[in-house]
Amino acid sequence: MSTPTKSAASWPTWFRLPTSVLARGGSGTRGAGGESARPGGSTPSGRPAPAGGRPPEPHPVWSRLDSPLSTYYLLIGSAGMLLVIGLVMVLSASSVGAMSKQGDPYAVFANQARYAVVGLGFAWIAARIPVELWKRAAVPLLLGATTLQLLVFTPLGFEVNGNRNWLRLGIQLQPSELGKLGIILFAATVFSAKRRLLHDWKHAVIPVVAPCGILLVGLVMAGRDLGTALILLLILFGVLWAAGVTWRVFAVAGVAAAGVVALLVVTSNNRMSRLASFLNCEDVKNQCWQAAHGSYALADGGLLGRGLGASREKWNWLPEPHNDFIFPIIGEELGLGGTLIVLLLFACLALACYRIVMHTHDLFIRVATAGVMVWILGQAIINIGAAIGVLPVIGVPLPLVSSGGSALMTVLTGLGMVVSFARSEPRCRKALATRARVLPRTLSVLSASRPRWADARQRRSGNR
């Protein structure tokens, strides 16, 4: 006898798609849990209808996840834990190199901590900006990022590891990081304004793909930063998917992007050597040095790791241990358990963004949140894939974890924007307002209910 399968209506409501997204078929009456009632007191999932017509009591875990604040706290909690892990691991991974180059083992960590404080300030401000103001900021932000990217090719710009993608304006700045947020906001604004015209490919390609894909991504590719250009293309595909454009746009844009990337790889000796070392890693002492020592670090960590600060690969064996290859250092010092915790936190972050995408009715919020989700999750997958040897090394940092001021501040600002979207949900806004009133009431009750012995002691001290 075949086991009846669960219908979508029997899933927990925190994971189930809303009725506005999934049109439910059938015209029968609804029973408990939103399922169509059937003769004989059964539901489509094969379960008997509850006695008295009362729905079954939800599991306490599902009740917590169904809370209007669950997405809000899941987003803040996972991002905050990743930031803390990142600061701790940057301190551990960079201490040896900073001591040998700058004479101060805390130099890189102190710089990263300052950027984290500034980024948290940006995130706090971004979380309180209304949606309409984000729409107004889209065009100025994209124009500003494009202008700064043009300045890279002036004497103000300089190269890092062969990529001309940096500016020196008192501080070191990477304009392409700001461009990621600019593409997301600009695409979300245009698509929300043209929501009824997106079936026509011209309304997606001309106002969004042309300025973002050709101008900004082209400028980044001109600076020979293939890794950042791929992330920008990934974000562009993510916002197109979230907006629901036709598959023809994806096909044409994908073929064009693949052709440009292949051309850039073929015309660069450095990229060809990286691709060759990925396909056939034999020269461990030269081309495969970084990838090989990343694998050594992960293998040396084992299940529980060597202990925090006890990495051996960070002693000038593994290049960029605090940046692109910080994940192998996490595996070496914290073991398999530490790496799984990092992966779980990224999954929680993606789940929080996914819930916002699937439960909102605002196309701007849906596209912008999907863009941030694809940005952070896609970049994390590429970084971790290169660290464990399943993807070629292209030099992108691990979001919220690797060192880098521009990347950290823009990611925190983007997450602050998503937090503002979560706060704008009516149930979440009402719950936050209720909790804001509960705290003063609780404090007043606690102060009014002082124990009698405390009042007696105060009277005795006054008599003395």
Protein backbone atom coordinates (compact mmCIF):
# COMPACT_ATOMS: atom_id res chain seq x y z
CA MET A 1 0.00 0.00 0.00
CA SER A 2 1.48 3.35 -1.00
CA THR A 3 2.08 5.95 1.69
CA PRO A 4 0.10 9.15 1.13
CA THR A 5 2.32 12.15 0.45
CA LYS A 6 2.00 15.41 2.29
CA SER A 7 0.41 18.28 0.45
CA ALA A 8 1.85 21.79 0.44
CA ALA A 9 -0.81 22.84 2.92
CA SER A 10 0.58 20.39 5.52
CA TRP A 11 3.99 22.06 5.53
CA PRO A 12 4.90 24.50 8.33
CA THR A 13 3.61 27.97 7.51
CA TRP A 14 7.07 29.51 7.92
CA PHE A 15 8.25 27.54 4.86
CA ARG A 16 5.00 27.39 2.89
CA LEU A 17 4.56 29.81 0.00
CA PRO A 18 1.83 32.42 0.57
CA THR A 19 -1.48 32.10 -1.21
CA SER A 20 -0.68 35.16 -3.30
CA VAL A 21 2.33 33.38 -4.78
CA LEU A 22 0.91 29.88 -5.20
CA ALA A 23 -2.63 29.82 -6.57
CA ARG A 24 -4.43 26.91 -4.95
CA GLY A 25 -6.65 24.93 -7.25
CA GLY A 26 -10.08 23.48 -6.52
CA SER A 27 -13.35 25.04 -5.48
CA GLY A 28 -14.21 22.91 -2.47
CA THR A 29 -14.55 24.21 1.04
CA ARG A 30 -11.45 24.50 3.20
CA GLY A 31 -10.86 22.45 6.26
CA ALA A 32 -8.35 22.93 9.03
CA GLY A 33 -4.93 24.09 7.87
CA GLY A 34 -6.28 25.38 4.56
CA GLU A 35 -6.95 21.89 3.04
CA SER A 36 -10.07 21.06 1.07
CA ALA A 37 -12.53 19.01 3.07
CA ARG A 38 -13.45 15.63 1.60
CA PRO A 39 -16.26 13.18 2.26
CA GLY A 40 -15.53 10.90 5.14
CA GLY A 41 -13.79 13.54 7.23
CA SER A 42 -10.38 13.28 5.56
CA THR A 43 -8.00 15.80 4.04
CA PRO A 44 -6.08 15.60 0.74
CA SER A 45 -2.93 14.62 2.59
CA GLY A 46 -4.61 11.42 3.78
CA ARG A 47 -4.82 12.48 7.45
CA PRO A 48 -8.13 12.20 9.34
CA ALA A 49 -9.85 15.50 10.05
CA PRO A 50 -9.43 16.58 13.70
CA ALA A 51 -12.36 15.88 16.00
CA GLY A 52 -14.73 18.78 16.48
CA GLY A 53 -13.24 20.64 13.53
CA ARG A 54 -10.44 22.08 15.69
CA PRO A 55 -6.98 22.25 14.09
CA PRO A 56 -4.18 20.23 15.71
CA GLU A 57 -1.89 22.05 18.10
CA PRO A 58 1.30 23.21 16.30
CA HIS A 59 4.68 22.04 17.46
CA PRO A 60 6.43 24.62 19.72
CA VAL A 61 9.29 24.92 17.23
CA TRP A 62 6.89 25.71 14.39
CA SER A 63 5.11 28.23 16.62
CA ARG A 64 8.38 30.05 17.21
CA LEU A 65 9.21 30.04 13.51
CA ASP A 66 5.71 31.30 12.68
CA SER A 67 6.30 34.35 14.86
CA PRO A 68 6.27 37.65 12.92
CA LEU A 69 9.68 38.46 14.43
CA SER A 70 11.34 35.14 13.55
CA THR A 71 12.68 36.35 10.20
CA TYR A 72 13.88 39.59 11.78
CA TYR A 73 15.84 37.84 14.53
CA LEU A 74 17.07 35.06 12.24
CA LEU A 75 18.55 37.65 9.90
CA ILE A 76 20.21 39.71 12.63
CA GLY A 77 21.39 36.69 14.62
CA SER A 78 23.03 34.80 11.75
CA ALA A 79 24.72 37.93 10.36
CA GLY A 80 25.94 38.95 13.81
CA MET A 81 27.43 35.52 14.56
CA LEU A 82 29.20 35.44 11.19
CA LEU A 83 30.65 38.88 11.90
CA VAL A 84 31.93 37.80 15.32
CA ILE A 85 33.45 34.61 13.89
CA GLY A 86 35.05 36.67 11.15
CA LEU A 87 36.67 39.12 13.57
CA VAL A 88 38.04 36.31 15.72
CA MET A 89 39.42 34.40 12.74
CA VAL A 90 40.91 37.53 11.14
CA LEU A 91 42.80 38.14 14.38
CA SER A 92 44.06 34.56 14.43
CA ALA A 93 44.87 34.23 10.72
CA SER A 94 46.55 37.62 10.28
CA SER A 95 48.64 37.81 13.44
CA VAL A 96 51.75 36.11 12.01
CA GLY A 97 51.80 38.04 8.74
CA ALA A 98 51.05 41.35 10.46
CA MET A 99 53.87 40.78 12.94
CA SER A 100 56.40 39.99 10.23
CA LYS A 101 55.37 42.86 7.91
CA GLN A 102 54.18 45.62 10.25
CA GLY A 103 55.65 44.66 13.62
CA ASP A 104 52.20 44.55 15.24
CA PRO A 105 50.23 41.28 15.38
CA TYR A 106 46.98 43.22 15.87
CA ALA A 107 47.37 45.62 12.92
CA VAL A 108 45.05 43.85 10.45
CA PHE A 109 42.53 42.98 13.17
CA ALA A 110 42.38 46.56 14.47
CA ASN A 111 41.75 47.84 10.96
CA GLN A 112 39.02 45.24 10.40
CA ALA A 113 37.42 46.05 13.76
CA ARG A 114 37.23 49.74 12.84
CA TYR A 115 35.55 48.90 9.55
CA ALA A 116 33.14 46.60 11.40
CA VAL A 117 32.13 49.41 13.78
CA VAL A 118 31.56 51.80 10.86
CA GLY A 119 29.69 49.09 8.94
CA LEU A 120 27.42 48.38 11.91
CA GLY A 121 26.64 52.09 12.05
CA PHE A 122 25.72 52.01 8.36
CA ALA A 123 23.59 48.90 8.96
CA TRP A 124 21.77 50.58 11.87
CA ILE A 125 20.97 53.61 9.71
CA ALA A 126 19.99 51.44 6.72
CA ALA A 127 17.60 49.39 8.88
CA ARG A 128 15.63 52.57 9.63
CA ILE A 129 15.40 53.93 6.10
CA PRO A 130 11.90 53.53 4.58
CA VAL A 131 11.39 51.69 1.32
CA GLU A 132 10.53 54.82 -0.66
CA LEU A 133 13.83 56.43 0.28
CA TRP A 134 15.72 53.35 -0.95
CA LYS A 135 14.00 53.75 -4.31
CA ARG A 136 15.11 57.37 -4.53
CA ALA A 137 18.71 56.42 -3.69
CA ALA A 138 19.00 53.85 -6.51
CA VAL A 139 20.04 56.11 -9.39
CA PRO A 140 22.49 58.30 -7.39
CA LEU A 141 24.09 55.20 -5.91
CA LEU A 142 24.60 53.54 -9.31
CA LEU A 143 25.95 56.74 -10.85
CA GLY A 144 28.28 57.27 -7.90
CA ALA A 145 29.62 53.71 -8.10
CA THR A 146 30.18 54.03 -11.86
CA THR A 147 31.98 57.36 -11.43
CA LEU A 148 34.26 55.95 -8.75
CA GLN A 149 34.96 52.93 -10.94
CA LEU A 150 36.04 55.28 -13.74
CA LEU A 151 38.44 57.00 -11.32
CA VAL A 152 40.23 53.67 -10.91
CA PHE A 153 41.90 54.28 -14.29
CA THR A 154 43.25 57.68 -13.17
CA PRO A 155 46.33 58.25 -10.98
CA LEU A 156 44.03 57.83 -7.97
CA GLY A 157 43.68 54.12 -8.76
CA PHE A 158 46.19 51.39 -8.01
CA GLU A 159 46.60 47.64 -8.49
CA VAL A 160 46.34 44.86 -5.92
CA ASN A 161 47.55 41.41 -7.02
CA GLY A 162 47.34 42.44 -10.68
CA ASN A 163 43.77 43.81 -10.47
CA ARG A 164 43.27 47.55 -10.95
CA ASN A 165 40.12 47.91 -8.90
CA TRP A 166 41.12 50.15 -6.01
CA LEU A 167 41.11 53.88 -5.18
CA ARG A 168 43.24 55.79 -2.72
CA LEU A 169 41.13 58.69 -1.40
CA GLY A 170 42.63 59.08 2.04
CA ILE A 171 41.46 55.52 2.65
CA GLN A 172 41.63 52.52 0.33
CA LEU A 173 38.28 52.01 -1.39
CA GLN A 174 36.99 49.34 -3.77
CA PRO A 175 34.24 50.99 -5.89
CA SER A 176 32.99 47.70 -7.31
CA GLU A 177 31.70 46.73 -3.85
CA LEU A 178 29.47 49.80 -3.88
CA GLY A 179 28.46 48.84 -7.42
CA LYS A 180 26.96 45.57 -6.14
CA LEU A 181 24.50 47.47 -3.97
CA GLY A 182 23.91 49.98 -6.77
CA ILE A 183 22.94 47.27 -9.28
CA ILE A 184 20.53 45.70 -6.79
CA LEU A 185 18.73 48.93 -5.95
CA PHE A 186 18.62 50.20 -9.53
CA ALA A 187 17.26 46.93 -10.92
CA ALA A 188 14.67 46.65 -8.14
CA THR A 189 13.48 50.22 -8.76
CA VAL A 190 13.19 49.78 -12.54
CA PHE A 191 11.49 46.39 -12.35
CA SER A 192 8.96 47.58 -9.74
CA ALA A 193 8.06 50.52 -12.00
CA LYS A 194 7.76 48.25 -15.09
CA ARG A 195 6.12 45.26 -13.43
CA ARG A 196 3.37 45.05 -16.07
CA LEU A 197 5.81 45.28 -18.98
CA LEU A 198 8.40 42.67 -18.00
CA HIS A 199 6.97 40.12 -20.42
CA ASP A 200 8.62 42.20 -23.15
CA TRP A 201 12.37 41.59 -23.15
CA LYS A 202 13.15 45.18 -24.16
CA HIS A 203 11.89 46.54 -20.83
CA ALA A 204 14.36 44.31 -18.97
CA VAL A 205 17.41 44.49 -21.24
CA ILE A 206 17.51 48.17 -22.21
CA PRO A 207 16.99 49.90 -18.83
CA VAL A 208 18.80 47.36 -16.60
CA VAL A 209 21.07 44.90 -18.42
CA ALA A 210 22.59 47.55 -20.68
CA PRO A 211 23.68 50.11 -18.04
CA CYS A 212 24.53 47.57 -15.33
CA GLY A 213 25.92 44.71 -17.38
CA ILE A 214 27.77 46.61 -20.06
CA LEU A 215 28.88 49.77 -18.27
CA LEU A 216 29.64 48.83 -14.66
CA VAL A 217 30.58 45.17 -15.17
CA GLY A 218 32.59 46.15 -18.25
CA LEU A 219 34.58 48.69 -16.23
CA VAL A 220 35.37 46.07 -13.60
CA MET A 221 36.48 43.62 -16.29
CA ALA A 222 38.65 46.34 -17.82
CA GLY A 223 40.45 46.47 -14.48
CA ARG A 224 41.15 42.71 -14.86
CA ASP A 225 39.16 41.81 -11.72
CA LEU A 226 37.38 38.74 -13.06
CA GLY A 227 36.21 37.52 -9.65
CA THR A 228 34.29 40.70 -8.81
CA ALA A 229 32.91 40.87 -12.36
CA LEU A 230 31.50 37.35 -11.99
CA ILE A 231 29.81 38.31 -8.72
CA LEU A 232 28.25 41.35 -10.41
CA LEU A 233 26.97 39.14 -13.23
CA LEU A 234 25.60 36.69 -10.68
CA ILE A 235 23.74 39.52 -8.93
CA LEU A 236 22.36 40.69 -12.28
CA PHE A 237 21.03 37.21 -13.04
CA GLY A 238 19.56 37.01 -9.54
CA VAL A 239 17.52 40.19 -9.84
CA LEU A 240 16.32 39.17 -13.32
CA TRP A 241 15.14 35.85 -11.89
CA ALA A 242 13.37 37.51 -8.96
CA ALA A 243 11.61 39.96 -11.30
CA GLY A 244 10.25 37.08 -13.38
CA VAL A 245 11.60 38.09 -16.79
CA THR A 246 11.32 35.68 -19.71
CA TRP A 247 13.83 32.85 -20.16
CA ARG A 248 14.96 34.28 -23.48
CA VAL A 249 16.61 37.15 -21.63
CA PHE A 250 18.45 34.65 -19.42
CA ALA A 251 19.58 32.62 -22.41
CA VAL A 252 20.90 35.57 -24.40
CA ALA A 253 22.53 37.22 -21.37
CA GLY A 254 24.05 33.91 -20.27
CA VAL A 255 25.60 33.18 -23.65
CA ALA A 256 26.98 36.72 -23.88
CA ALA A 257 28.42 36.60 -20.36
CA ALA A 258 29.99 33.19 -20.95
CA GLY A 259 31.61 34.43 -24.15
CA VAL A 260 33.09 37.51 -22.46
CA VAL A 261 34.40 35.47 -19.51
CA ALA A 262 35.95 32.89 -21.84
CA LEU A 263 37.63 35.68 -23.81
CA LEU A 264 39.06 37.23 -20.65
CA VAL A 265 40.39 33.87 -19.46
CA VAL A 266 42.02 33.01 -22.78
CA THR A 267 43.70 36.42 -23.11
CA SER A 268 45.27 36.32 -19.62
CA ASN A 269 48.27 34.11 -18.82
CA ASN A 270 47.53 34.31 -15.08
CA ARG A 271 43.94 33.15 -15.50
CA MET A 272 44.96 30.38 -17.89
CA SER A 273 47.52 29.12 -15.39
CA ARG A 274 44.89 29.15 -12.62
CA LEU A 275 42.47 27.21 -14.81
CA ALA A 276 45.18 24.72 -15.79
CA SER A 277 46.19 24.20 -12.16
CA PHE A 278 42.55 23.62 -11.22
CA LEU A 279 42.05 21.03 -13.96
CA ASN A 280 45.37 19.29 -13.36
CA CYS A 281 47.00 20.21 -10.06
CA GLU A 282 50.47 18.64 -10.30
CA ASP A 283 52.87 21.55 -9.72
CA VAL A 284 52.27 21.81 -5.97
CA LYS A 285 55.33 24.02 -5.40
CA ASN A 286 54.27 26.74 -7.87
CA GLN A 287 50.87 27.05 -9.57
CA CYS A 288 48.95 24.81 -7.15
CA TRP A 289 50.63 26.11 -4.00
CA GLN A 290 47.67 28.06 -2.60
CA ALA A 291 45.02 25.45 -3.41
CA ALA A 292 47.20 22.62 -2.10
CA HIS A 293 47.96 24.32 1.22
CA GLY A 294 44.29 25.18 1.63
CA SER A 295 43.55 21.46 1.40
CA TYR A 296 46.40 20.72 3.82
CA ALA A 297 44.88 23.12 6.36
CA LEU A 298 41.44 21.52 6.14
CA ALA A 299 42.92 18.02 6.42
CA ASP A 300 45.09 19.02 9.38
CA GLY A 301 42.07 20.33 11.27
CA GLY A 302 40.24 17.03 11.33
CA LEU A 303 37.00 16.79 13.24
CA LEU A 304 37.64 19.14 16.17
CA GLY A 305 40.54 21.25 14.90
CA ARG A 306 43.97 22.08 16.29
CA GLY A 307 42.57 24.80 18.53
CA LEU A 308 41.95 28.52 18.12
CA GLY A 309 45.20 30.26 17.16
CA ALA A 310 47.09 26.99 16.63
CA SER A 311 47.12 26.97 12.81
CA ARG A 312 50.39 26.00 11.15
CA GLU A 313 49.48 27.05 7.61
CA LYS A 314 49.16 30.72 8.62
CA TRP A 315 52.91 30.78 9.32
CA ASN A 316 53.59 32.09 5.80
CA TRP A 317 52.65 28.79 4.14
CA LEU A 318 49.14 29.64 2.94
CA PRO A 319 48.85 32.93 0.99
CA GLU A 320 46.03 35.30 2.01
CA PRO A 321 45.04 33.33 5.13
CA HIS A 322 42.95 36.20 6.52
CA ASN A 323 41.28 37.08 3.22
CA ASP A 324 40.38 34.77 0.33
CA PHE A 325 41.54 31.62 2.14
CA ILE A 326 40.23 32.23 5.64
CA PHE A 327 37.88 29.23 5.37
CA PRO A 328 40.76 26.68 5.43
CA ILE A 329 42.12 28.41 8.55
CA ILE A 330 38.68 28.02 10.16
CA GLY A 331 38.77 24.33 9.27
CA GLU A 332 42.31 23.90 10.60
CA GLU A 333 41.71 25.62 13.94
CA LEU A 334 38.04 24.77 14.60
CA GLY A 335 37.78 21.53 12.64
CA LEU A 336 34.87 20.16 10.66
CA GLY A 337 32.48 21.37 13.33
CA GLY A 338 33.60 24.97 12.89
CA THR A 339 33.21 24.88 9.12
CA LEU A 340 29.74 23.32 9.43
CA ILE A 341 28.69 26.09 11.83
CA VAL A 342 29.78 28.70 9.27
CA LEU A 343 27.83 26.90 6.53
CA LEU A 344 24.77 26.65 8.79
CA LEU A 345 24.88 30.38 9.53
CA PHE A 346 25.01 31.20 5.83
CA ALA A 347 22.06 28.84 5.30
CA CYS A 348 20.10 30.65 8.05
CA LEU A 349 20.91 33.98 6.44
CA ALA A 350 19.68 32.69 3.08
CA LEU A 351 16.52 31.27 4.70
CA ALA A 352 15.69 34.64 6.27
CA CYS A 353 16.07 36.39 2.91
CA TYR A 354 14.04 33.65 1.20
CA ARG A 355 11.16 34.14 3.62
CA ILE A 356 11.08 37.87 2.90
CA VAL A 357 11.16 37.23 -0.85
CA MET A 358 8.29 34.74 -0.76
CA HIS A 359 6.03 36.59 1.68
CA THR A 360 6.20 40.14 0.36
CA HIS A 361 3.76 41.62 -2.17
CA ASP A 362 6.11 44.50 -3.06
CA LEU A 363 8.16 43.71 -6.18
CA PHE A 364 10.85 46.20 -5.14
CA ILE A 365 11.39 44.42 -1.81
CA ARG A 366 11.33 41.02 -3.51
CA VAL A 367 13.94 41.91 -6.13
CA ALA A 368 16.22 43.82 -3.75
CA THR A 369 16.15 41.08 -1.11
CA ALA A 370 16.80 38.39 -3.72
CA GLY A 371 19.73 40.42 -5.03
CA VAL A 372 21.32 40.63 -1.58
CA MET A 373 20.68 36.91 -1.02
CA VAL A 374 22.32 35.93 -4.33
CA TRP A 375 25.20 38.33 -3.65
CA ILE A 376 26.10 36.95 -0.21
CA LEU A 377 25.25 33.30 -0.77
CA GLY A 378 26.77 33.14 -4.27
CA GLN A 379 29.99 34.81 -3.17
CA ALA A 380 30.22 32.47 -0.18
CA ILE A 381 29.75 29.41 -2.41
CA ILE A 382 32.45 30.60 -4.84
CA ASN A 383 34.89 31.37 -2.02
CA ILE A 384 34.33 28.11 -0.16
CA GLY A 385 34.32 26.12 -3.41
CA ALA A 386 37.75 27.52 -4.29
CA ALA A 387 39.03 26.83 -0.77
CA ILE A 388 38.03 23.16 -0.85
CA GLY A 389 39.19 22.65 -4.45
CA VAL A 390 35.90 22.19 -6.32
CA LEU A 391 36.12 25.59 -8.07
CA PRO A 392 39.07 27.50 -9.52
CA VAL A 393 40.62 30.26 -7.42
CA ILE A 394 39.31 33.63 -8.64
CA GLY A 395 40.00 35.76 -5.56
CA VAL A 396 36.71 36.73 -3.90
CA PRO A 397 36.41 37.17 -0.11
CA LEU A 398 34.05 35.29 2.20
CA PRO A 399 31.26 37.76 3.11
CA LEU A 400 31.25 38.98 6.74
CA VAL A 401 34.23 36.74 7.56
CA SER A 402 37.23 37.69 5.40
CA SER A 403 39.17 40.90 6.02
CA GLY A 404 38.44 43.87 3.78
CA GLY A 405 36.87 47.17 4.72
CA SER A 406 34.94 48.02 1.54
CA ALA A 407 33.44 44.54 1.27
CA LEU A 408 32.45 44.40 4.94
CA MET A 409 30.81 47.83 5.05
CA THR A 410 28.78 47.29 1.87
CA VAL A 411 27.60 43.83 2.96
CA LEU A 412 26.50 45.20 6.34
CA THR A 413 24.71 48.08 4.62
CA GLY A 414 22.94 45.64 2.29
CA LEU A 415 21.87 43.49 5.23
CA GLY A 416 20.66 46.59 7.05
CA MET A 417 18.49 47.34 4.03
CA VAL A 418 17.02 43.82 4.19
CA VAL A 419 16.36 44.32 7.92
CA SER A 420 14.40 47.46 7.04
CA PHE A 421 12.33 45.36 4.63
CA ALA A 422 11.66 42.81 7.38
CA ARG A 423 10.64 45.61 9.76
CA SER A 424 8.25 47.04 7.17
CA GLU A 425 6.10 43.89 7.25
CA PRO A 426 2.89 44.86 9.12
CA ARG A 427 2.93 42.01 11.65
CA CYS A 428 6.63 42.55 12.41
CA ARG A 429 6.14 46.31 12.82
CA LYS A 430 3.25 45.73 15.23
CA ALA A 431 5.21 43.16 17.24
CA LEU A 432 8.24 45.46 17.53
CA ALA A 433 6.03 48.34 18.68
CA THR A 434 4.41 46.09 21.30
CA ARG A 435 7.78 44.93 22.64
CA ALA A 436 9.01 48.52 22.80
CA ARG A 437 6.10 49.30 25.15
CA VAL A 438 6.49 46.12 27.20
CA LEU A 439 10.06 46.87 28.38
CA PRO A 440 9.29 50.16 30.21
CA ARG A 441 6.23 48.54 31.78
CA THR A 442 8.31 45.60 32.99
CA LEU A 443 10.94 47.88 34.50
CA SER A 444 8.29 49.94 36.28
CA VAL A 445 6.69 46.80 37.71
CA LEU A 446 10.05 45.50 38.92
CA SER A 447 10.87 48.82 40.59
CA ALA A 448 7.44 48.95 42.26
CA SER A 449 7.69 45.39 43.59
CA ARG A 450 10.84 45.80 45.67
CA PRO A 451 11.15 43.27 48.50
CA ARG A 452 10.18 44.44 51.99
CA TRP A 453 13.61 43.75 53.45
CA ALA A 454 15.12 46.26 50.98
CA ASP A 455 12.73 48.99 52.18
CA ALA A 456 13.46 48.12 55.80
CA ARG A 457 17.21 48.32 55.22
CA GLN A 458 16.79 51.73 53.57
CA ARG A 459 14.80 53.01 56.59
CA ARG A 460 17.42 51.73 59.05
CA SER A 461 20.23 53.38 57.10
CA GLY A 462 18.24 56.65 57.11
CA ASN A 463 17.72 56.54 60.90
CA ARG A 464 21.44 56.15 61.43
